Structure formats: C-alpha cells, structure tokens
Amino acid sequence: MATPAKTIVDLSSAMVTAPVPLANWLAIAPVALCITLGAVLLMVRSSTRLQAFVAIPGLFVLVLMDAALLVKVAAHGPVTMVMGRWLPPFGIAFTVDILGALMALTSAIVALASGIYALKEVTESGRRYGFFPFLLLLMAGVTGAFLTGDIFNLYVWFEVLLISSFGMLILGSERGQIDGAMKYAVLNLIGTTLFLISVGIVYAVFGTLNMADISSKVESVRDTAPLMTLSALLLLAFAMKAAAFPVNFWLPASYHTPRIVVSALFAGLLTKVGVYALIRIMVMLLPIEREQLSLLIAATGAATIIVGALGALAQDDIRKLLGYVVISGIGNMLIGIALGTPGGLSGAIFYALHSMVLMTALYLLAGQAAALAGGFSLTALGGLYRKSSGFAAVSFILFIAACGLPPFSGFWPKVILVRASIDVGAWWLAAAILIGGFLLTVVFGRVFLLAYWRPATAPLAAASVGWQAGLPLVILTALVVAFGILPEELLKMAQAAATGLIDPTSYLQSVFPDGMVP
C-alpha cells in the first residue's frame, strides 16, 4: 500500500541523519584514493612513463592522508564511517583506532619508498604489465584491512591484496616466478578458505559481522557457541597468512623469486596484515579463547623465532636469508599476542611497525648490493665496503636493527617483550627471544664479513647507488634510527593501541555512540 504523501518517516533509528564531519571522511579516503588511482593507471597502462608520474605523487598523498588520520584518532579517539548512511551493524563500517591508523601510515610510507625504488628497477615491460596499478590496488587491500570494522570486509580486503600480489609475483613470467607464485597461491588460498569458513561461523553464531557488535555480544553466547573451534580456525588461517611455524614454508619458497622491490613490499606488508588480523580478532573479539590458546600461540611463536633464525643461518642467497628473517620476526609478534598483557601487546605492535620498515629496507638494500656486486650469492659477494663506504654504513645500521641490538629500532620492542615475558614468569619465552636475537647477530655478522669486509672475488660493477635506490634507503633507515633513538612517542601510541584492544570501550562507543547496541 502506498504511503501518503504527507507522512513523515523517521529514519533516525536506521540511518545516520546528522551531517558527517568532514574530518571523518579520512577513515575511507585512503582506500578510495588507492582504488581511484589504480583504476586511472589501468586506463593509461599503455603510457608507461605517465604511470610513475601518477603513482608516486598519489602514494605521497596517501602518506599525508594516513598521517592526518592518525593525528585525528590520537587526539579524539576512534572514528567510524558507515556505507550508505545505514547505522551499524547494518551499514558496513570503517572503524579506525590508533592501531589501524599506525599500521596504515607505516604501510603507506613503505609503499612510497618502494614506489620510488621501482623507478629504477621496474622496466618499461614491467610497467606495461601493470606494476604501478598492482601497487595501488595492493595498497587498497592493505589499507582497507587495517581500517575496516567489519569482519567480512576484512576477508574482502585480504582478497584484494592477494589478487594484486599474484599479479606482482609473476611480472616477467620467468620460470622461477611462476613456481614461486604457485607455492604462494596454494597456501594463501587454503588460508583464505579457512578464513571464509570462519566468517560463516561468525555470522551463524552472532548474526552480525560488525566487529564492535561481535565484541559486545560475545559474552552472551560463550556458553553455547563453538567459540574455541572458531578461534582455532582463525588462528590457523592467520598463522598461514603470517608465515608462522609450521605453516611458513611457502614464504622462503616464493619471496626470492620476483623483482626485489616486490619482495620488499611483500616482506614489509603482507605478513603484517595477518598479524594485525590475529591481534584484532583474538585480542579484541575473543579474549577468553586467546587466553586458553595462549600456550599454543606462545610455543608457536618461540618455534617460529628459532626456526626462522636457523633457516637464515643456513642460506647462501641473501633473498632467501631475508625470507627466514621475516619469519623469525613473526615469532616475536606471536609471543606478544600470546602474553596478552598491555606490555606484551605493545611490544608486538611496536615490533610489527619496526619490522614493516626494516624488512622493506633490507630487501631494497639486498637489491642494491646485487646491483653493485653482480648477484645475490654470499659466496660471490665481497668488497662492498670498498665500493661504497656510505652504503656499508647504512647496511650496518640496518643489520644492527635486525639483530635487536641498541640503539636502533629493533632493540626496544625486544626489551618490552622480554620484560613482559619475565613479568608473567614465562622465562622460556624471554630465552627464545634472546636466543633468536643472538642467532640473527651471527647471521648478519656473517653477511657483513662476507659481502662487505672480505675483498671482492671478482671485479665489482661500475654501477653506483642512484637516487632512486638511495632516497628510499635513506628514508627507511632514518625511521629505523628515529624509532630507536626517540622511541617515546611511538611507544606511547603502541601502549594506547594495546589498551584500546584490551578495553575496547572507546571503539564500541565510536560505532554505537548512544550505547544502544542492537
């Protein structure tokens, strides 16, 4: 029956009727920017020179947007935007807290540095086949995963970044790339399938996919719902994404195959999205189940640290060596999640931010070392110190940070995690962290002695460190130094992020400001 023309329908109970503050649009602007620029680059894919002129400024704007978002969230608390003006949980929500904003900003910096490096490394053929569109779409997926407040859309953004990463892996269509892409695809698709099954269970149990709504309802269904089964599935799915032991073998089998700038992006970003999802869901949504699984998570983290370090020690190819270093770092983050204390979680968050910057820098460094010395094999490398003392100094700083030694960025999160482990009586976790750091010191000491200090076994290439490689390395190394020498502000934000996960009251109030959860 038609509604009379003069009937006034009250939409306030279903839709957002108040004007949305302009600053709140920052919650979705980074994702919209990446998708828009990615589409533009696809339309002009035949103009290979134009693509870089669009992508690099676009990534710089992305950094500014994410920085403004972090400032807003730090000053005023979490920000929520819903699609179509439908009130949560019916409208798909983007909810940004300090953790999401920190991760988004760091990922944007990593992407900008990698994009600048790609100006030199990615050939005209690589641009024609879509490196820069893939890069922007990858950032849409990564940023969307960090900013979404909906668990199904977390799955969607995982799919977006995976599709983009498949394209970047096979740029060049070499045999090794295809082989690496197959291993990467199979394990990640298994993990994605487990995640999708888990999403279905979540909806069946809670009747909603909004994270804030799930967090508010979890206590009411804990006695009747299969939450432990759900938690175990999510743990396995995200452990595969993060390359935790024993489901880590896909990473060293695939990350050494693409162009080095692609490996740098993957090492800096993709495994951290898995860690972020694990922190968000296990700590904020399923804290009791996380506590019950804490021993398993802790044992997995300790094993991941040691296996990664030993794997790195056994490698001759620098790219494979760095793949195992990525894996070892994931173990430190898992220990922080297993502890679940404010100290443990802040250490895990700090370590994730440090690892995003450091691992990207280390892969770019390896690419430049190979350009100077003609290969990635440690047995063939040598004389890099004589070739460029400045390059050797930057390398030494990054190696020290990777070992977790003072005064650079890797030191503080390890100190926090060791202290948090000792505070709860988990001496064996503290020992695993310290042993892993010692093994990595041996690993990078060996790299420096063979590749830098030892005389060259063959004439070095005439190439020098160009600005396309030098500028990203300087930016990322400066962050590594700043995180180590001036850690206070970052530590405060990591602690605030950890507190917000343990007590998500402000997160829930951002989504349901009147306190009326459906």
Protein backbone atom coordinates (compact mmCIF):
# COMPACT_ATOMS: atom_id res chain seq x y z
CA MET A 1 0.00 0.00 0.00
CA ALA A 2 1.39 3.41 -0.95
CA THR A 3 2.46 5.73 1.84
CA PRO A 4 0.53 9.02 1.98
CA ALA A 5 2.50 11.88 0.54
CA LYS A 6 2.43 13.91 3.79
CA THR A 7 3.63 11.04 6.02
CA ILE A 8 6.97 11.82 7.63
CA VAL A 9 9.17 8.75 8.02
CA ASP A 10 11.55 8.80 10.97
CA LEU A 11 14.87 7.45 9.65
CA SER A 12 16.89 8.23 12.76
CA SER A 13 16.58 4.68 14.09
CA ALA A 14 18.04 3.14 10.92
CA MET A 15 20.17 5.75 9.22
CA VAL A 16 22.69 8.45 10.01
CA THR A 17 20.73 11.68 9.69
CA ALA A 18 23.22 14.18 11.10
CA PRO A 19 25.81 15.72 8.77
CA VAL A 20 29.08 13.79 8.82
CA PRO A 21 32.06 15.91 9.95
CA LEU A 22 34.47 16.48 7.09
CA ALA A 23 37.40 15.08 9.08
CA ASN A 24 35.61 11.74 9.46
CA TRP A 25 35.95 11.14 5.73
CA LEU A 26 39.62 10.47 6.42
CA ALA A 27 38.53 7.00 7.56
CA ILE A 28 37.73 5.96 3.99
CA ALA A 29 39.70 8.47 1.92
CA PRO A 30 42.95 6.39 1.79
CA VAL A 31 41.15 3.37 0.36
CA ALA A 32 39.15 5.50 -2.09
CA LEU A 33 42.36 7.19 -3.25
CA CYS A 34 44.15 3.88 -3.89
CA ILE A 35 41.23 2.37 -5.82
CA THR A 36 40.72 5.52 -7.89
CA LEU A 37 44.39 5.87 -8.80
CA GLY A 38 44.65 2.15 -9.54
CA ALA A 39 41.73 2.45 -11.96
CA VAL A 40 43.26 5.52 -13.60
CA LEU A 41 46.58 3.71 -14.06
CA LEU A 42 44.79 0.76 -15.66
CA MET A 43 43.18 3.13 -18.15
CA VAL A 44 46.55 4.66 -19.10
CA ARG A 45 48.53 1.40 -18.94
CA SER A 46 49.85 1.91 -22.46
CA SER A 47 51.54 5.15 -21.38
CA THR A 48 54.32 3.66 -19.27
CA ARG A 49 56.06 6.95 -18.47
CA LEU A 50 52.87 8.57 -17.22
CA GLN A 51 52.20 5.83 -14.68
CA ALA A 52 55.04 6.78 -12.35
CA PHE A 53 54.02 10.46 -12.50
CA VAL A 54 50.58 9.44 -11.23
CA ALA A 55 51.58 6.70 -8.76
CA ILE A 56 54.40 8.40 -6.81
CA PRO A 57 52.52 11.65 -6.02
CA GLY A 58 49.47 9.53 -5.24
CA LEU A 59 51.43 7.49 -2.70
CA PHE A 60 52.76 10.71 -1.17
CA VAL A 61 49.18 11.97 -0.77
CA LEU A 62 48.32 8.60 0.80
CA VAL A 63 51.04 9.14 3.42
CA LEU A 64 49.62 12.60 4.20
CA MET A 65 46.06 11.23 4.50
CA ASP A 66 47.12 8.44 6.83
CA ALA A 67 49.18 10.86 8.92
CA ALA A 68 46.19 13.19 9.27
CA LEU A 69 44.02 10.22 10.21
CA LEU A 70 46.48 9.14 12.91
CA VAL A 71 46.58 12.67 14.34
CA LYS A 72 42.77 12.80 14.47
CA VAL A 73 42.43 9.37 16.09
CA ALA A 74 45.18 10.08 18.62
CA ALA A 75 43.52 13.37 19.59
CA HIS A 76 39.82 12.43 19.54
CA GLY A 77 39.58 8.63 19.71
CA PRO A 78 38.35 6.07 17.16
CA VAL A 79 36.49 7.27 14.07
CA THR A 80 33.64 5.39 12.36
CA MET A 81 32.13 5.82 8.91
CA VAL A 82 29.32 3.62 7.57
CA MET A 83 28.39 2.93 3.96
CA GLY A 84 25.09 4.22 2.62
CA ARG A 85 24.44 6.09 5.89
CA TRP A 86 22.94 2.91 7.38
CA LEU A 87 23.58 2.68 11.11
CA PRO A 88 25.78 -0.16 12.35
CA PRO A 89 25.61 -3.10 12.34
CA PHE A 90 23.55 -2.91 9.13
CA GLY A 91 25.85 -0.45 7.38
CA ILE A 92 29.33 -1.67 6.52
CA ALA A 93 31.61 0.19 8.90
CA PHE A 94 35.11 1.56 8.66
CA THR A 95 36.28 2.00 12.25
CA VAL A 96 39.77 3.36 12.81
CA ASP A 97 41.58 3.29 16.13
CA ILE A 98 45.22 4.03 16.92
CA LEU A 99 46.34 0.51 15.93
CA GLY A 100 44.72 0.68 12.49
CA ALA A 101 45.93 4.22 11.85
CA LEU A 102 49.51 3.38 12.87
CA MET A 103 49.62 0.33 10.62
CA ALA A 104 48.05 2.22 7.69
CA LEU A 105 50.53 5.10 7.94
CA THR A 106 53.55 2.79 8.18
CA SER A 107 52.35 0.75 5.20
CA ALA A 108 51.91 3.94 3.15
CA ILE A 109 55.50 5.02 3.93
CA VAL A 110 56.76 1.58 2.91
CA ALA A 111 54.76 1.74 -0.34
CA LEU A 112 56.07 5.22 -1.18
CA ALA A 113 59.69 4.13 -0.61
CA SER A 114 59.15 1.03 -2.74
CA GLY A 115 57.47 3.04 -5.48
CA ILE A 116 60.47 5.38 -5.69
CA TYR A 117 62.85 2.39 -5.83
CA ALA A 118 60.73 0.91 -8.62
CA LEU A 119 61.50 3.92 -10.82
CA LYS A 120 64.89 2.33 -11.39
CA GLU A 121 64.20 -1.37 -11.10
CA VAL A 122 60.88 -1.85 -12.90
CA THR A 123 61.47 -1.80 -16.63
CA GLU A 124 59.15 -0.49 -19.30
CA SER A 125 57.87 -4.04 -19.78
CA GLY A 126 57.07 -4.33 -16.08
CA ARG A 127 55.19 -1.04 -16.17
CA ARG A 128 53.27 -2.12 -19.25
CA TYR A 129 52.17 -5.29 -17.49
CA GLY A 130 50.84 -3.31 -14.54
CA PHE A 131 53.36 -2.87 -11.73
CA PHE A 132 52.04 0.52 -10.61
CA PRO A 133 48.31 -0.35 -10.90
CA PHE A 134 49.01 -3.52 -8.93
CA LEU A 135 50.90 -1.49 -6.34
CA LEU A 136 47.98 0.91 -5.83
CA LEU A 137 45.44 -1.91 -5.67
CA LEU A 138 47.68 -3.79 -3.23
CA MET A 139 47.67 -0.71 -1.03
CA ALA A 140 43.88 -0.51 -1.29
CA GLY A 141 43.69 -4.04 0.11
CA VAL A 142 46.30 -3.50 2.82
CA THR A 143 44.83 -0.16 3.93
CA GLY A 144 41.28 -1.48 3.81
CA ALA A 145 42.25 -4.42 6.03
CA PHE A 146 43.74 -2.05 8.62
CA LEU A 147 40.78 0.35 8.62
CA THR A 148 37.71 -1.85 8.29
CA GLY A 149 35.40 -2.51 11.21
CA ASP A 150 33.62 -5.44 9.56
CA ILE A 151 35.00 -8.98 9.67
CA PHE A 152 33.63 -9.96 6.25
CA ASN A 153 35.18 -6.90 4.67
CA LEU A 154 38.44 -7.86 6.33
CA TYR A 155 38.17 -11.03 4.25
CA VAL A 156 37.34 -8.96 1.15
CA TRP A 157 40.38 -6.74 1.58
CA PHE A 158 42.53 -9.84 2.04
CA GLU A 159 41.26 -10.98 -1.36
CA VAL A 160 42.04 -7.62 -2.96
CA LEU A 161 45.63 -7.62 -1.72
CA LEU A 162 46.12 -11.28 -2.67
CA ILE A 163 44.89 -10.75 -6.23
CA SER A 164 47.22 -7.78 -6.61
CA SER A 165 50.13 -9.70 -5.10
CA PHE A 166 49.62 -12.59 -7.54
CA GLY A 167 49.99 -10.13 -10.41
CA MET A 168 53.13 -8.60 -8.93
CA LEU A 169 54.70 -12.01 -8.29
CA ILE A 170 54.63 -13.06 -11.94
CA LEU A 171 55.74 -9.79 -13.55
CA GLY A 172 58.34 -11.02 -16.01
CA SER A 173 56.82 -14.50 -16.42
CA GLU A 174 60.08 -16.29 -15.62
CA ARG A 175 60.09 -19.96 -14.62
CA GLY A 176 61.16 -19.21 -11.06
CA GLN A 177 58.46 -16.59 -10.67
CA ILE A 178 55.73 -18.95 -11.84
CA ASP A 179 56.99 -21.66 -9.47
CA GLY A 180 57.10 -19.24 -6.54
CA ALA A 181 53.66 -17.88 -7.39
CA MET A 182 52.16 -21.38 -7.37
CA LYS A 183 53.51 -22.13 -3.88
CA TYR A 184 52.44 -18.70 -2.66
CA ALA A 185 48.96 -19.08 -4.16
CA VAL A 186 48.16 -22.57 -2.90
CA LEU A 187 48.99 -21.92 0.76
CA ASN A 188 47.37 -18.49 0.80
CA LEU A 189 44.22 -19.80 -0.85
CA ILE A 190 43.99 -22.52 1.81
CA GLY A 191 44.34 -19.85 4.49
CA THR A 192 41.75 -17.67 2.78
CA THR A 193 39.30 -20.59 2.57
CA LEU A 194 39.71 -21.26 6.30
CA PHE A 195 39.09 -17.58 6.96
CA LEU A 196 35.91 -17.60 4.84
CA ILE A 197 34.62 -20.70 6.68
CA SER A 198 35.31 -18.88 9.94
CA VAL A 199 33.38 -15.83 8.73
CA GLY A 200 30.39 -18.08 8.03
CA ILE A 201 30.57 -19.50 11.57
CA VAL A 202 30.81 -15.97 12.98
CA TYR A 203 27.62 -14.92 11.20
CA ALA A 204 25.82 -18.09 12.24
CA VAL A 205 26.77 -17.55 15.89
CA PHE A 206 26.39 -13.78 16.26
CA GLY A 207 24.03 -12.79 13.46
CA THR A 208 26.34 -9.91 12.62
CA LEU A 209 29.76 -9.27 11.08
CA ASN A 210 30.42 -5.89 12.67
CA MET A 211 33.43 -6.21 14.97
CA ALA A 212 32.09 -3.86 17.65
CA ASP A 213 28.76 -5.69 17.64
CA ILE A 214 30.52 -9.06 17.95
CA SER A 215 32.64 -7.76 20.84
CA SER A 216 29.51 -6.64 22.70
CA LYS A 217 27.69 -9.96 22.18
CA VAL A 218 30.47 -12.49 22.74
CA GLU A 219 29.82 -12.92 26.47
CA SER A 220 26.17 -13.77 25.89
CA VAL A 221 26.94 -16.71 23.57
CA ARG A 222 30.14 -18.05 25.13
CA ASP A 223 28.40 -20.94 26.91
CA THR A 224 26.51 -22.17 23.83
CA ALA A 225 28.57 -21.26 20.75
CA PRO A 226 31.61 -23.19 19.42
CA LEU A 227 33.95 -20.27 20.05
CA MET A 228 37.01 -22.43 20.67
CA THR A 229 36.55 -24.12 17.28
CA LEU A 230 36.13 -20.72 15.69
CA SER A 231 39.24 -19.39 17.42
CA ALA A 232 41.33 -22.38 16.34
CA LEU A 233 40.24 -21.94 12.71
CA LEU A 234 41.06 -18.23 12.76
CA LEU A 235 44.41 -18.90 14.44
CA LEU A 236 45.36 -21.40 11.74
CA ALA A 237 44.17 -19.14 8.92
CA PHE A 238 46.07 -16.09 10.13
CA ALA A 239 49.14 -18.13 11.10
CA MET A 240 49.32 -19.24 7.45
CA LYS A 241 48.97 -15.64 6.29
CA ALA A 242 51.67 -14.52 8.72
CA ALA A 243 54.02 -17.42 7.82
CA ALA A 244 54.24 -18.79 11.36
CA PHE A 245 55.82 -22.18 12.03
CA PRO A 246 54.95 -24.87 10.89
CA VAL A 247 52.95 -23.31 8.02
CA ASN A 248 55.74 -20.95 7.00
CA PHE A 249 57.45 -22.88 4.20
CA TRP A 250 55.63 -21.02 1.40
CA LEU A 251 57.37 -17.73 2.21
CA PRO A 252 61.07 -18.62 1.63
CA ALA A 253 59.94 -20.65 -1.39
CA SER A 254 58.32 -17.64 -3.06
CA TYR A 255 59.67 -14.30 -1.78
CA HIS A 256 63.04 -14.71 -3.52
CA THR A 257 61.51 -15.17 -6.99
CA PRO A 258 60.02 -11.78 -8.01
CA ARG A 259 61.75 -8.46 -8.55
CA ILE A 260 63.43 -7.28 -5.38
CA VAL A 261 61.06 -4.32 -4.96
CA VAL A 262 58.12 -6.73 -4.98
CA SER A 263 59.85 -8.92 -2.38
CA ALA A 264 60.43 -5.78 -0.28
CA LEU A 265 56.75 -4.86 -0.40
CA PHE A 266 55.65 -8.36 0.49
CA ALA A 267 58.14 -8.69 3.35
CA GLY A 268 57.13 -5.34 4.78
CA LEU A 269 53.36 -5.59 4.42
CA LEU A 270 51.69 -8.90 3.70
CA THR A 271 52.67 -10.98 6.73
CA LYS A 272 51.90 -7.99 8.97
CA VAL A 273 48.32 -7.92 7.73
CA GLY A 274 47.99 -11.49 9.03
CA VAL A 275 49.49 -10.47 12.38
CA TYR A 276 47.18 -7.45 12.55
CA ALA A 277 44.10 -9.61 11.91
CA LEU A 278 45.23 -12.04 14.60
CA ILE A 279 45.66 -9.20 17.12
CA ARG A 280 42.36 -7.56 16.23
CA ILE A 281 40.20 -10.68 16.36
CA MET A 282 41.88 -12.79 19.02
CA VAL A 283 42.56 -9.97 21.48
CA MET A 284 39.57 -7.65 20.99
CA LEU A 285 36.82 -10.09 19.97
CA LEU A 286 37.82 -13.43 21.54
CA PRO A 287 39.98 -12.62 24.59
CA ILE A 288 38.98 -15.65 26.68
CA GLU A 289 39.68 -18.05 23.82
CA ARG A 290 43.01 -16.31 23.17
CA GLU A 291 43.94 -16.88 26.78
CA GLN A 292 43.02 -20.56 26.55
CA LEU A 293 45.13 -20.87 23.38
CA SER A 294 47.96 -18.75 24.77
CA LEU A 295 50.32 -21.67 25.42
CA LEU A 296 49.89 -22.91 21.84
CA ILE A 297 50.42 -19.41 20.44
CA ALA A 298 53.48 -18.89 22.65
CA ALA A 299 55.04 -22.23 21.66
CA THR A 300 54.36 -21.42 18.00
CA GLY A 301 55.97 -18.01 18.42
CA ALA A 302 59.09 -19.42 20.11
CA ALA A 303 59.47 -22.13 17.46
CA THR A 304 58.98 -19.56 14.69
CA ILE A 305 61.76 -17.38 16.10
CA ILE A 306 64.27 -20.24 16.31
CA VAL A 307 63.34 -21.93 13.02
CA GLY A 308 63.49 -18.61 11.17
CA ALA A 309 66.90 -17.73 12.62
CA LEU A 310 68.35 -21.17 11.92
CA GLY A 311 66.94 -21.10 8.40
CA ALA A 312 68.60 -17.73 7.78
CA LEU A 313 71.91 -19.07 9.08
CA ALA A 314 71.81 -21.90 6.52
CA GLN A 315 71.27 -19.71 3.44
CA ASP A 316 73.72 -18.54 0.80
CA ASP A 317 71.23 -16.48 -1.24
CA ILE A 318 70.57 -13.15 0.52
CA ARG A 319 66.94 -13.09 -0.64
CA LYS A 320 66.21 -16.50 0.91
CA LEU A 321 68.11 -15.47 4.02
CA LEU A 322 65.90 -12.40 4.43
CA GLY A 323 62.79 -14.54 3.95
CA TYR A 324 63.74 -16.51 7.05
CA VAL A 325 64.45 -13.26 8.92
CA VAL A 326 60.87 -12.21 8.16
CA ILE A 327 59.65 -15.50 9.63
CA SER A 328 61.77 -15.10 12.77
CA GLY A 329 60.29 -11.65 13.38
CA ILE A 330 56.75 -13.02 13.18
CA GLY A 331 57.57 -15.22 16.17
CA ASN A 332 58.28 -12.18 18.34
CA MET A 333 54.87 -10.72 17.49
CA LEU A 334 53.14 -14.03 18.26
CA ILE A 335 54.75 -14.08 21.70
CA GLY A 336 53.30 -10.63 22.40
CA ILE A 337 49.85 -11.84 21.34
CA ALA A 338 50.20 -14.97 23.50
CA LEU A 339 51.08 -12.89 26.57
CA GLY A 340 48.01 -10.70 26.05
CA THR A 341 49.18 -8.15 28.65
CA PRO A 342 49.48 -4.43 27.89
CA GLY A 343 53.26 -4.84 27.78
CA GLY A 344 53.15 -7.90 25.55
CA LEU A 345 50.70 -6.35 23.09
CA SER A 346 52.51 -3.00 22.94
CA GLY A 347 55.74 -4.89 22.27
CA ALA A 348 54.08 -6.87 19.47
CA ILE A 349 52.66 -3.69 17.91
CA PHE A 350 55.98 -1.84 18.18
CA TYR A 351 57.77 -4.84 16.67
CA ALA A 352 55.28 -5.00 13.78
CA LEU A 353 55.84 -1.34 12.92
CA HIS A 354 59.61 -1.77 13.19
CA SER A 355 59.51 -4.91 11.01
CA MET A 356 57.44 -3.25 8.28
CA VAL A 357 60.06 -0.55 7.83
CA LEU A 358 63.15 -2.68 8.45
CA MET A 359 62.32 -5.65 6.24
CA THR A 360 61.43 -3.40 3.32
CA ALA A 361 64.73 -1.59 3.76
CA LEU A 362 66.71 -4.84 3.99
CA TYR A 363 65.28 -6.19 0.73
CA LEU A 364 65.94 -2.90 -1.07
CA LEU A 365 69.46 -2.99 0.37
CA ALA A 366 69.92 -6.53 -0.97
CA GLY A 367 68.80 -5.38 -4.41
CA GLN A 368 71.33 -2.58 -4.45
CA ALA A 369 74.10 -4.89 -3.15
CA ALA A 370 73.35 -7.29 -6.01
CA ALA A 371 73.48 -4.39 -8.49
CA LEU A 372 76.91 -3.41 -7.20
CA ALA A 373 78.36 -6.91 -6.91
CA GLY A 374 76.53 -8.76 -9.67
CA GLY A 375 74.48 -11.31 -7.70
CA PHE A 376 72.73 -12.38 -4.51
CA SER A 377 75.05 -15.23 -3.50
CA LEU A 378 77.15 -14.65 -0.39
CA THR A 379 79.92 -16.83 -1.79
CA ALA A 380 80.23 -14.49 -4.78
CA LEU A 381 79.77 -11.17 -2.96
CA GLY A 382 82.63 -9.18 -1.49
CA GLY A 383 84.30 -5.79 -1.37
CA LEU A 384 81.13 -3.73 -0.89
CA TYR A 385 82.75 -1.65 1.83
CA ARG A 386 85.48 -0.52 -0.57
CA LYS A 387 82.93 0.10 -3.29
CA SER A 388 80.80 2.44 -1.17
CA SER A 389 81.51 3.19 2.49
CA GLY A 390 78.24 5.14 2.80
CA PHE A 391 76.27 2.17 1.54
CA ALA A 392 78.16 -0.06 4.00
CA ALA A 393 77.30 2.31 6.88
CA VAL A 394 73.58 2.19 6.03
CA SER A 395 73.83 -1.60 5.80
CA PHE A 396 75.48 -1.81 9.21
CA ILE A 397 72.71 0.26 10.82
CA LEU A 398 70.01 -1.97 9.33
CA PHE A 399 71.86 -5.14 10.33
CA ILE A 400 72.17 -3.92 13.93
CA ALA A 401 68.45 -3.12 14.00
CA ALA A 402 67.58 -6.56 12.61
CA CYS A 403 69.60 -8.22 15.39
CA GLY A 404 67.69 -6.27 18.05
CA LEU A 405 70.80 -4.53 19.34
CA PRO A 406 70.87 -0.92 20.60
CA PRO A 407 70.47 1.85 19.73
CA PHE A 408 68.15 1.25 16.76
CA SER A 409 64.50 0.29 16.33
CA GLY A 410 64.77 -3.47 16.89
CA PHE A 411 66.07 -3.04 20.43
CA TRP A 412 63.05 -1.56 22.20
CA PRO A 413 60.29 -3.99 21.19
CA LYS A 414 62.50 -6.94 22.16
CA VAL A 415 63.22 -5.34 25.54
CA ILE A 416 59.48 -4.81 26.06
CA LEU A 417 58.67 -8.39 25.07
CA VAL A 418 61.41 -9.88 27.26
CA ARG A 419 60.24 -7.85 30.24
CA ALA A 420 56.59 -8.77 29.61
CA SER A 421 57.57 -12.45 29.44
CA ILE A 422 59.52 -12.28 32.69
CA ASP A 423 56.67 -10.41 34.42
CA VAL A 424 54.34 -13.40 33.90
CA GLY A 425 57.02 -15.97 34.72
CA ALA A 426 57.49 -17.13 31.10
CA TRP A 427 61.29 -17.30 31.23
CA TRP A 428 61.39 -19.71 28.30
CA LEU A 429 59.77 -17.09 26.06
CA ALA A 430 62.31 -14.49 27.12
CA ALA A 431 65.05 -17.04 26.39
CA ALA A 432 63.62 -17.75 22.93
CA ILE A 433 63.62 -14.02 22.10
CA LEU A 434 67.23 -13.60 23.27
CA ILE A 435 68.46 -16.77 21.53
CA GLY A 436 66.77 -15.66 18.32
CA GLY A 437 68.49 -12.28 18.60
CA PHE A 438 71.85 -13.96 19.14
CA LEU A 439 71.39 -16.22 16.09
CA LEU A 440 70.42 -13.24 13.94
CA THR A 441 73.54 -11.43 15.15
CA VAL A 442 75.57 -14.36 13.83
CA VAL A 443 73.58 -14.30 10.57
CA PHE A 444 74.15 -10.62 9.85
CA GLY A 445 77.71 -10.70 11.14
CA ARG A 446 78.38 -13.40 8.56
CA VAL A 447 76.71 -11.32 5.83
CA PHE A 448 78.77 -8.25 6.69
CA LEU A 449 82.03 -10.16 6.84
CA LEU A 450 81.50 -11.98 3.54
CA ALA A 451 79.75 -9.36 1.44
CA TYR A 452 81.29 -6.14 2.78
CA TRP A 453 84.55 -6.75 4.62
CA ARG A 454 86.00 -9.58 2.54
CA PRO A 455 87.86 -8.47 -0.61
CA ALA A 456 85.91 -8.84 -3.82
CA THR A 457 86.32 -12.19 -5.56
CA ALA A 458 85.60 -10.57 -8.95
CA PRO A 459 85.60 -7.01 -10.30
CA LEU A 460 82.61 -5.07 -8.96
CA ALA A 461 80.11 -3.48 -11.31
CA ALA A 462 80.65 0.11 -12.31
CA ALA A 463 77.15 1.00 -11.09
CA SER A 464 76.69 3.41 -8.19
CA VAL A 465 73.84 3.92 -5.74
CA GLY A 466 71.45 6.11 -7.72
CA TRP A 467 68.92 8.44 -6.12
CA GLN A 468 66.06 6.07 -6.92
CA ALA A 469 67.66 3.49 -4.60
CA GLY A 470 69.42 5.90 -2.25
CA LEU A 471 66.39 8.03 -1.34
CA PRO A 472 64.16 5.13 -0.19
CA LEU A 473 67.04 3.62 1.78
CA VAL A 474 67.75 6.95 3.48
CA ILE A 475 64.05 7.44 4.35
CA LEU A 476 63.62 3.96 5.80
CA THR A 477 66.98 3.97 7.60
CA ALA A 478 66.14 7.36 9.14
CA LEU A 479 62.94 5.83 10.53
CA VAL A 480 64.89 2.86 11.92
CA VAL A 481 67.26 5.26 13.66
CA ALA A 482 64.45 7.53 14.89
CA PHE A 483 62.42 4.62 16.28
CA GLY A 484 65.49 3.58 18.24
CA ILE A 485 66.86 6.89 19.50
CA LEU A 486 63.50 8.63 20.07
CA PRO A 487 61.07 5.80 20.86
CA GLU A 488 58.88 7.61 23.39
CA GLU A 489 56.07 8.81 21.12
CA LEU A 490 55.83 5.56 19.20
CA LEU A 491 55.87 3.60 22.44
CA LYS A 492 53.07 5.76 23.87
CA MET A 493 50.94 5.12 20.79
CA ALA A 494 51.69 1.39 20.89
CA GLN A 495 50.67 1.32 24.55
CA ALA A 496 47.48 3.27 23.77
CA ALA A 497 46.71 0.82 20.95
CA ALA A 498 47.23 -2.14 23.29
CA THR A 499 44.99 -0.58 25.94
CA GLY A 500 42.29 0.02 23.35
CA LEU A 501 42.36 -3.64 22.34
CA ILE A 502 42.13 -4.95 25.90
CA ASP A 503 39.36 -2.48 26.81
CA PRO A 504 37.55 -1.65 23.53
CA THR A 505 35.02 0.72 25.17
CA SER A 506 36.05 3.71 23.05
CA TYR A 507 35.97 1.53 19.92
CA LEU A 508 32.42 0.42 20.71
CA GLN A 509 31.32 3.97 21.53
CA SER A 510 32.62 5.13 18.16
CA VAL A 511 30.41 2.58 16.39
CA PHE A 512 27.43 2.89 18.75
CA PRO A 513 27.71 6.44 20.15
CA ASP A 514 24.40 6.28 22.04
CA GLY A 515 25.35 3.00 23.69
CA MET A 516 22.38 1.22 22.13
CA VAL A 517 23.85 -1.96 20.64
CA PRO A 518 21.20 -3.83 18.60
